[in-house]
Structure formats: C-alpha cells, structure tokens
Amino acid sequence: MTDLTETIAIELPKAKALSDGTEVWSWAMLFKAVTEEELKMLEANPVLMHAVETIRHFPKCKEAWLEFEA
C-alpha cells in the first residue's frame, strides 16, 4: 500500500444535509443533487464548479448523454 491514493465509500442516503466543512461532504452533495437550486449552491465551491458545468452540459449533448446512460 502507498499513501498516494485514498478511497472513501459514502452511503449517499445517509449523507447529512448540513455541511461538515469537508470536500467529501461537497462531493456527496453533488452526487445527491437533483434540483437546479442544489447545483447552484454547490457551484459556489470552486472545486465543484467544473463538475456542475459538466452535469449541466449532459442533457444538451446527445453523445455525452448516451455515454452517461450506458
């Protein structure tokens, strides 16, 4: 084993709605997000900004959407 990678497993249904201030929480909330409001809140985080933009792009790009659904 090395210290170059870290694996974290999160049970999304158990992820709390209130932030604990960690990046793991931010990513968990991104994966749970279903509304535009939730995405807007997460987009304020510079680390997640690109991920939110990518999520918004999927429905606009048929190829990406089909790849995502596969």
PDB file of N, CA and C in Angstrom:
ATOM      1  N   MET A   1       0.837  -1.188   0.000  1.00  0.00           N
ATOM      2  CA  MET A   1       0.000   0.000   0.000  1.00  0.00           C
ATOM      3  C   MET A   1       0.880   1.248   0.000  1.00  0.00           C
ATOM      4  N   THR A   2       0.344   2.278  -0.610  1.00  0.00           N
ATOM      5  CA  THR A   2       1.038   3.554  -0.604  1.00  0.00           C
ATOM      6  C   THR A   2       0.090   4.619  -0.067  1.00  0.00           C
ATOM      7  N   ASP A   3       0.637   5.786   0.160  1.00  0.00           N
ATOM      8  CA  ASP A   3      -0.201   6.890   0.625  1.00  0.00           C
ATOM      9  C   ASP A   3      -0.550   7.838  -0.526  1.00  0.00           C
ATOM     10  N   LEU A   4      -0.426   7.357  -1.765  1.00  0.00           N
ATOM     11  CA  LEU A   4      -0.693   8.193  -2.927  1.00  0.00           C
ATOM     12  C   LEU A   4      -2.176   8.306  -3.262  1.00  0.00           C
ATOM     13  N   THR A   5      -2.969   7.341  -2.838  1.00  0.00           N
ATOM     14  CA  THR A   5      -4.398   7.395  -3.119  1.00  0.00           C
ATOM     15  C   THR A   5      -5.183   7.130  -1.843  1.00  0.00           C
ATOM     16  N   GLU A   6      -6.402   7.576  -1.865  1.00  0.00           N
ATOM     17  CA  GLU A   6      -7.297   7.350  -0.742  1.00  0.00           C
ATOM     18  C   GLU A   6      -8.664   7.010  -1.310  1.00  0.00           C
ATOM     19  N   THR A   7      -9.270   5.974  -0.791  1.00  0.00           N
ATOM     20  CA  THR A   7     -10.591   5.565  -1.225  1.00  0.00           C
ATOM     21  C   THR A   7     -11.572   5.802  -0.093  1.00  0.00           C
ATOM     22  N   ILE A   8     -12.654   6.489  -0.417  1.00  0.00           N
ATOM     23  CA  ILE A   8     -13.670   6.776   0.581  1.00  0.00           C
ATOM     24  C   ILE A   8     -14.999   6.281   0.044  1.00  0.00           C
ATOM     25  N   ALA A   9     -15.695   5.478   0.819  1.00  0.00           N
ATOM     26  CA  ALA A   9     -17.022   4.996   0.433  1.00  0.00           C
ATOM     27  C   ALA A   9     -18.058   5.785   1.231  1.00  0.00           C
ATOM     28  N   ILE A  10     -19.051   6.299   0.509  1.00  0.00           N
ATOM     29  CA  ILE A  10     -20.086   7.096   1.157  1.00  0.00           C
ATOM     30  C   ILE A  10     -21.440   6.499   0.804  1.00  0.00           C
ATOM     31  N   GLU A  11     -22.270   6.278   1.807  1.00  0.00           N
ATOM     32  CA  GLU A  11     -23.640   5.854   1.559  1.00  0.00           C
ATOM     33  C   GLU A  11     -24.455   7.129   1.389  1.00  0.00           C
ATOM     34  N   LEU A  12     -24.766   7.476   0.138  1.00  0.00           N
ATOM     35  CA  LEU A  12     -25.433   8.743  -0.153  1.00  0.00           C
ATOM     36  C   LEU A  12     -26.738   8.945   0.607  1.00  0.00           C
ATOM     37  N   PRO A  13     -27.573   7.919   0.759  1.00  0.00           N
ATOM     38  CA  PRO A  13     -28.809   8.160   1.509  1.00  0.00           C
ATOM     39  C   PRO A  13     -28.552   8.586   2.964  1.00  0.00           C
ATOM     40  N   LYS A  14     -27.389   8.225   3.494  1.00  0.00           N
ATOM     41  CA  LYS A  14     -27.076   8.571   4.881  1.00  0.00           C
ATOM     42  C   LYS A  14     -26.301   9.885   5.007  1.00  0.00           C
ATOM     43  N   ALA A  15     -25.903  10.473   3.886  1.00  0.00           N
ATOM     44  CA  ALA A  15     -25.139  11.726   3.926  1.00  0.00           C
ATOM     45  C   ALA A  15     -26.032  12.829   4.493  1.00  0.00           C
ATOM     46  N   LYS A  16     -25.510  13.551   5.440  1.00  0.00           N
ATOM     47  CA  LYS A  16     -26.280  14.593   6.109  1.00  0.00           C
ATOM     48  C   LYS A  16     -26.421  15.826   5.231  1.00  0.00           C
ATOM     49  N   ALA A  17     -27.541  16.517   5.371  1.00  0.00           N
ATOM     50  CA  ALA A  17     -27.813  17.711   4.566  1.00  0.00           C
ATOM     51  C   ALA A  17     -26.983  18.910   5.028  1.00  0.00           C
ATOM     52  N   LEU A  18     -26.578  18.950   6.287  1.00  0.00           N
ATOM     53  CA  LEU A  18     -25.793  20.077   6.794  1.00  0.00           C
ATOM     54  C   LEU A  18     -24.310  19.805   6.595  1.00  0.00           C
ATOM     55  N   SER A  19     -23.614  20.798   6.085  1.00  0.00           N
ATOM     56  CA  SER A  19     -22.195  20.660   5.769  1.00  0.00           C
ATOM     57  C   SER A  19     -21.363  20.405   7.019  1.00  0.00           C
ATOM     58  N   ASP A  20     -20.392  19.518   6.861  1.00  0.00           N
ATOM     59  CA  ASP A  20     -19.411  19.336   7.933  1.00  0.00           C
ATOM     60  C   ASP A  20     -18.097  20.023   7.551  1.00  0.00           C
ATOM     61  N   GLY A  21     -18.119  20.750   6.435  1.00  0.00           N
ATOM     62  CA  GLY A  21     -16.958  21.531   6.020  1.00  0.00           C
ATOM     63  C   GLY A  21     -15.898  20.777   5.242  1.00  0.00           C
ATOM     64  N   THR A  22     -16.153  19.518   4.912  1.00  0.00           N
ATOM     65  CA  THR A  22     -15.140  18.729   4.205  1.00  0.00           C
ATOM     66  C   THR A  22     -15.441  18.667   2.709  1.00  0.00           C
ATOM     67  N   GLU A  23     -14.418  18.395   1.924  1.00  0.00           N
ATOM     68  CA  GLU A  23     -14.594  18.207   0.483  1.00  0.00           C
ATOM     69  C   GLU A  23     -15.412  16.949   0.204  1.00  0.00           C
ATOM     70  N   VAL A  24     -15.280  15.947   1.056  1.00  0.00           N
ATOM     71  CA  VAL A  24     -16.047  14.711   0.876  1.00  0.00           C
ATOM     72  C   VAL A  24     -17.539  15.028   0.944  1.00  0.00           C
ATOM     73  N   TRP A  25     -17.937  15.869   1.892  1.00  0.00           N
ATOM     74  CA  TRP A  25     -19.347  16.261   2.003  1.00  0.00           C
ATOM     75  C   TRP A  25     -19.794  16.951   0.715  1.00  0.00           C
ATOM     76  N   SER A  26     -18.964  17.865   0.203  1.00  0.00           N
ATOM     77  CA  SER A  26     -19.319  18.597  -1.013  1.00  0.00           C
ATOM     78  C   SER A  26     -19.566  17.646  -2.180  1.00  0.00           C
ATOM     79  N   TRP A  27     -18.684  16.684  -2.357  1.00  0.00           N
ATOM     80  CA  TRP A  27     -18.854  15.725  -3.457  1.00  0.00           C
ATOM     81  C   TRP A  27     -20.085  14.849  -3.232  1.00  0.00           C
ATOM     82  N   ALA A  28     -20.334  14.449  -2.001  1.00  0.00           N
ATOM     83  CA  ALA A  28     -21.523  13.641  -1.701  1.00  0.00           C
ATOM     84  C   ALA A  28     -22.786  14.409  -2.070  1.00  0.00           C
ATOM     85  N   MET A  29     -22.826  15.693  -1.730  1.00  0.00           N
ATOM     86  CA  MET A  29     -23.996  16.506  -2.054  1.00  0.00           C
ATOM     87  C   MET A  29     -24.149  16.684  -3.564  1.00  0.00           C
ATOM     88  N   LEU A  30     -23.025  16.746  -4.278  1.00  0.00           N
ATOM     89  CA  LEU A  30     -23.094  16.844  -5.733  1.00  0.00           C
ATOM     90  C   LEU A  30     -23.754  15.598  -6.315  1.00  0.00           C
ATOM     91  N   PHE A  31     -23.368  14.433  -5.822  1.00  0.00           N
ATOM     92  CA  PHE A  31     -23.934  13.188  -6.339  1.00  0.00           C
ATOM     93  C   PHE A  31     -25.393  13.013  -5.939  1.00  0.00           C
ATOM     94  N   LYS A  32     -25.812  13.666  -4.847  1.00  0.00           N
ATOM     95  CA  LYS A  32     -27.210  13.594  -4.416  1.00  0.00           C
ATOM     96  C   LYS A  32     -28.082  14.658  -5.067  1.00  0.00           C
ATOM     97  N   ALA A  33     -27.488  15.685  -5.631  1.00  0.00           N
ATOM     98  CA  ALA A  33     -28.243  16.833  -6.142  1.00  0.00           C
ATOM     99  C   ALA A  33     -29.212  16.415  -7.242  1.00  0.00           C
ATOM    100  N   VAL A  34     -30.436  16.935  -7.146  1.00  0.00           N
ATOM    101  CA  VAL A  34     -31.435  16.663  -8.180  1.00  0.00           C
ATOM    102  C   VAL A  34     -32.098  17.943  -8.691  1.00  0.00           C
ATOM    103  N   THR A  35     -31.923  19.042  -7.986  1.00  0.00           N
ATOM    104  CA  THR A  35     -32.559  20.291  -8.413  1.00  0.00           C
ATOM    105  C   THR A  35     -31.508  21.311  -8.833  1.00  0.00           C
ATOM    106  N   GLU A  36     -31.945  22.275  -9.613  1.00  0.00           N
ATOM    107  CA  GLU A  36     -31.054  23.356 -10.043  1.00  0.00           C
ATOM    108  C   GLU A  36     -30.587  24.170  -8.835  1.00  0.00           C
ATOM    109  N   GLU A  37     -31.457  24.336  -7.847  1.00  0.00           N
ATOM    110  CA  GLU A  37     -31.088  25.058  -6.616  1.00  0.00           C
ATOM    111  C   GLU A  37     -29.896  24.408  -5.930  1.00  0.00           C
ATOM    112  N   GLU A  38     -29.939  23.081  -5.832  1.00  0.00           N
ATOM    113  CA  GLU A  38     -28.844  22.352  -5.191  1.00  0.00           C
ATOM    114  C   GLU A  38     -27.548  22.538  -5.987  1.00  0.00           C
ATOM    115  N   LEU A  39     -27.647  22.476  -7.305  1.00  0.00           N
ATOM    116  CA  LEU A  39     -26.454  22.662  -8.144  1.00  0.00           C
ATOM    117  C   LEU A  39     -25.898  24.076  -7.990  1.00  0.00           C
ATOM    118  N   LYS A  40     -26.772  25.078  -7.936  1.00  0.00           N
ATOM    119  CA  LYS A  40     -26.308  26.456  -7.764  1.00  0.00           C
ATOM    120  C   LYS A  40     -25.552  26.623  -6.457  1.00  0.00           C
ATOM    121  N   MET A  41     -26.065  26.015  -5.384  1.00  0.00           N
ATOM    122  CA  MET A  41     -25.398  26.096  -4.093  1.00  0.00           C
ATOM    123  C   MET A  41     -23.999  25.468  -4.174  1.00  0.00           C
ATOM    124  N   LEU A  42     -23.912  24.322  -4.819  1.00  0.00           N
ATOM    125  CA  LEU A  42     -22.635  23.614  -4.914  1.00  0.00           C
ATOM    126  C   LEU A  42     -21.659  24.305  -5.856  1.00  0.00           C
ATOM    127  N   GLU A  43     -22.189  25.011  -6.854  1.00  0.00           N
ATOM    128  CA  GLU A  43     -21.348  25.691  -7.836  1.00  0.00           C
ATOM    129  C   GLU A  43     -20.506  26.800  -7.192  1.00  0.00           C
ATOM    130  N   ALA A  44     -20.920  27.279  -6.032  1.00  0.00           N
ATOM    131  CA  ALA A  44     -20.159  28.305  -5.329  1.00  0.00           C
ATOM    132  C   ALA A  44     -18.805  27.767  -4.858  1.00  0.00           C
ATOM    133  N   ASN A  45     -18.696  26.449  -4.761  1.00  0.00           N
ATOM    134  CA  ASN A  45     -17.441  25.814  -4.367  1.00  0.00           C
ATOM    135  C   ASN A  45     -16.546  25.717  -5.608  1.00  0.00           C
ATOM    136  N   PRO A  46     -15.385  26.387  -5.606  1.00  0.00           N
ATOM    137  CA  PRO A  46     -14.506  26.380  -6.785  1.00  0.00           C
ATOM    138  C   PRO A  46     -14.086  24.974  -7.231  1.00  0.00           C
ATOM    139  N   VAL A  47     -13.982  24.060  -6.296  1.00  0.00           N
ATOM    140  CA  VAL A  47     -13.580  22.692  -6.627  1.00  0.00           C
ATOM    141  C   VAL A  47     -14.668  21.995  -7.445  1.00  0.00           C
ATOM    142  N   LEU A  48     -15.921  22.308  -7.179  1.00  0.00           N
ATOM    143  CA  LEU A  48     -17.035  21.632  -7.847  1.00  0.00           C
ATOM    144  C   LEU A  48     -17.563  22.378  -9.064  1.00  0.00           C
ATOM    145  N   MET A  49     -17.104  23.596  -9.290  1.00  0.00           N
ATOM    146  CA  MET A  49     -17.639  24.433 -10.362  1.00  0.00           C
ATOM    147  C   MET A  49     -17.618  23.712 -11.714  1.00  0.00           C
ATOM    148  N   HIS A  50     -16.495  23.115 -12.069  1.00  0.00           N
ATOM    149  CA  HIS A  50     -16.381  22.428 -13.360  1.00  0.00           C
ATOM    150  C   HIS A  50     -17.289  21.195 -13.407  1.00  0.00           C
ATOM    151  N   ALA A  51     -17.396  20.484 -12.300  1.00  0.00           N
ATOM    152  CA  ALA A  51     -18.251  19.295 -12.260  1.00  0.00           C
ATOM    153  C   ALA A  51     -19.714  19.682 -12.476  1.00  0.00           C
ATOM    154  N   VAL A  52     -20.145  20.770 -11.862  1.00  0.00           N
ATOM    155  CA  VAL A  52     -21.528  21.235 -12.037  1.00  0.00           C
ATOM    156  C   VAL A  52     -21.762  21.645 -13.490  1.00  0.00           C
ATOM    157  N   GLU A  53     -20.808  22.345 -14.089  1.00  0.00           N
ATOM    158  CA  GLU A  53     -20.934  22.735 -15.500  1.00  0.00           C
ATOM    159  C   GLU A  53     -21.053  21.501 -16.391  1.00  0.00           C
ATOM    160  N   THR A  54     -20.292  20.475 -16.085  1.00  0.00           N
ATOM    161  CA  THR A  54     -20.334  19.233 -16.863  1.00  0.00           C
ATOM    162  C   THR A  54     -21.697  18.563 -16.735  1.00  0.00           C
ATOM    163  N   ILE A  55     -22.241  18.529 -15.533  1.00  0.00           N
ATOM    164  CA  ILE A  55     -23.566  17.936 -15.312  1.00  0.00           C
ATOM    165  C   ILE A  55     -24.621  18.684 -16.118  1.00  0.00           C
ATOM    166  N   ARG A  56     -24.529  19.989 -16.141  1.00  0.00           N
ATOM    167  CA  ARG A  56     -25.491  20.786 -16.904  1.00  0.00           C
ATOM    168  C   ARG A  56     -25.341  20.563 -18.412  1.00  0.00           C
ATOM    169  N   HIS A  57     -24.163  20.206 -18.853  1.00  0.00           N
ATOM    170  CA  HIS A  57     -23.886  20.011 -20.278  1.00  0.00           C
ATOM    171  C   HIS A  57     -24.485  18.701 -20.808  1.00  0.00           C
ATOM    172  N   PHE A  58     -24.600  17.680 -19.980  1.00  0.00           N
ATOM    173  CA  PHE A  58     -25.053  16.363 -20.435  1.00  0.00           C
ATOM    174  C   PHE A  58     -26.352  16.393 -21.227  1.00  0.00           C
ATOM    175  N   PRO A  59     -27.429  16.996 -20.717  1.00  0.00           N
ATOM    176  CA  PRO A  59     -28.672  16.963 -21.489  1.00  0.00           C
ATOM    177  C   PRO A  59     -28.588  17.715 -22.825  1.00  0.00           C
ATOM    178  N   LYS A  60     -27.641  18.618 -22.964  1.00  0.00           N
ATOM    179  CA  LYS A  60     -27.502  19.404 -24.189  1.00  0.00           C
ATOM    180  C   LYS A  60     -26.700  18.683 -25.256  1.00  0.00           C
ATOM    181  N   CYS A  61     -25.920  17.702 -24.851  1.00  0.00           N
ATOM    182  CA  CYS A  61     -25.038  16.993 -25.776  1.00  0.00           C
ATOM    183  C   CYS A  61     -25.497  15.539 -25.872  1.00  0.00           C
ATOM    184  N   LYS A  62     -26.135  15.181 -26.975  1.00  0.00           N
ATOM    185  CA  LYS A  62     -26.714  13.843 -27.123  1.00  0.00           C
ATOM    186  C   LYS A  62     -25.666  12.743 -26.951  1.00  0.00           C
ATOM    187  N   GLU A  63     -24.491  12.910 -27.546  1.00  0.00           N
ATOM    188  CA  GLU A  63     -23.435  11.897 -27.427  1.00  0.00           C
ATOM    189  C   GLU A  63     -23.036  11.686 -25.972  1.00  0.00           C
ATOM    190  N   ALA A  64     -22.816  12.777 -25.261  1.00  0.00           N
ATOM    191  CA  ALA A  64     -22.414  12.676 -23.856  1.00  0.00           C
ATOM    192  C   ALA A  64     -23.519  12.037 -23.027  1.00  0.00           C
ATOM    193  N   TRP A  65     -24.772  12.402 -23.309  1.00  0.00           N
ATOM    194  CA  TRP A  65     -25.902  11.853 -22.560  1.00  0.00           C
ATOM    195  C   TRP A  65     -26.017  10.346 -22.785  1.00  0.00           C
ATOM    196  N   LEU A  66     -25.874   9.890 -24.025  1.00  0.00           N
ATOM    197  CA  LEU A  66     -25.950   8.470 -24.325  1.00  0.00           C
ATOM    198  C   LEU A  66     -24.798   7.706 -23.649  1.00  0.00           C
ATOM    199  N   GLU A  67     -23.626   8.311 -23.645  1.00  0.00           N
ATOM    200  CA  GLU A  67     -22.476   7.698 -22.987  1.00  0.00           C
ATOM    201  C   GLU A  67     -22.720   7.614 -21.484  1.00  0.00           C
ATOM    202  N   PHE A  68     -23.308   8.653 -20.915  1.00  0.00           N
ATOM    203  CA  PHE A  68     -23.608   8.708 -19.494  1.00  0.00           C
ATOM    204  C   PHE A  68     -24.609   7.637 -19.109  1.00  0.00           C
ATOM    205  N   GLU A  69     -25.623   7.432 -19.929  1.00  0.00           N
ATOM    206  CA  GLU A  69     -26.658   6.450 -19.626  1.00  0.00           C
ATOM    207  C   GLU A  69     -26.198   5.011 -19.814  1.00  0.00           C
ATOM    208  N   ALA A  70     -25.145   4.790 -20.588  1.00  0.00           N
ATOM    209  CA  ALA A  70     -24.672   3.426 -20.877  1.00  0.00           C
ATOM    210  C   ALA A  70     -24.095   2.734 -19.663  1.00  0.00           C
TER     211      ALA A  70
END
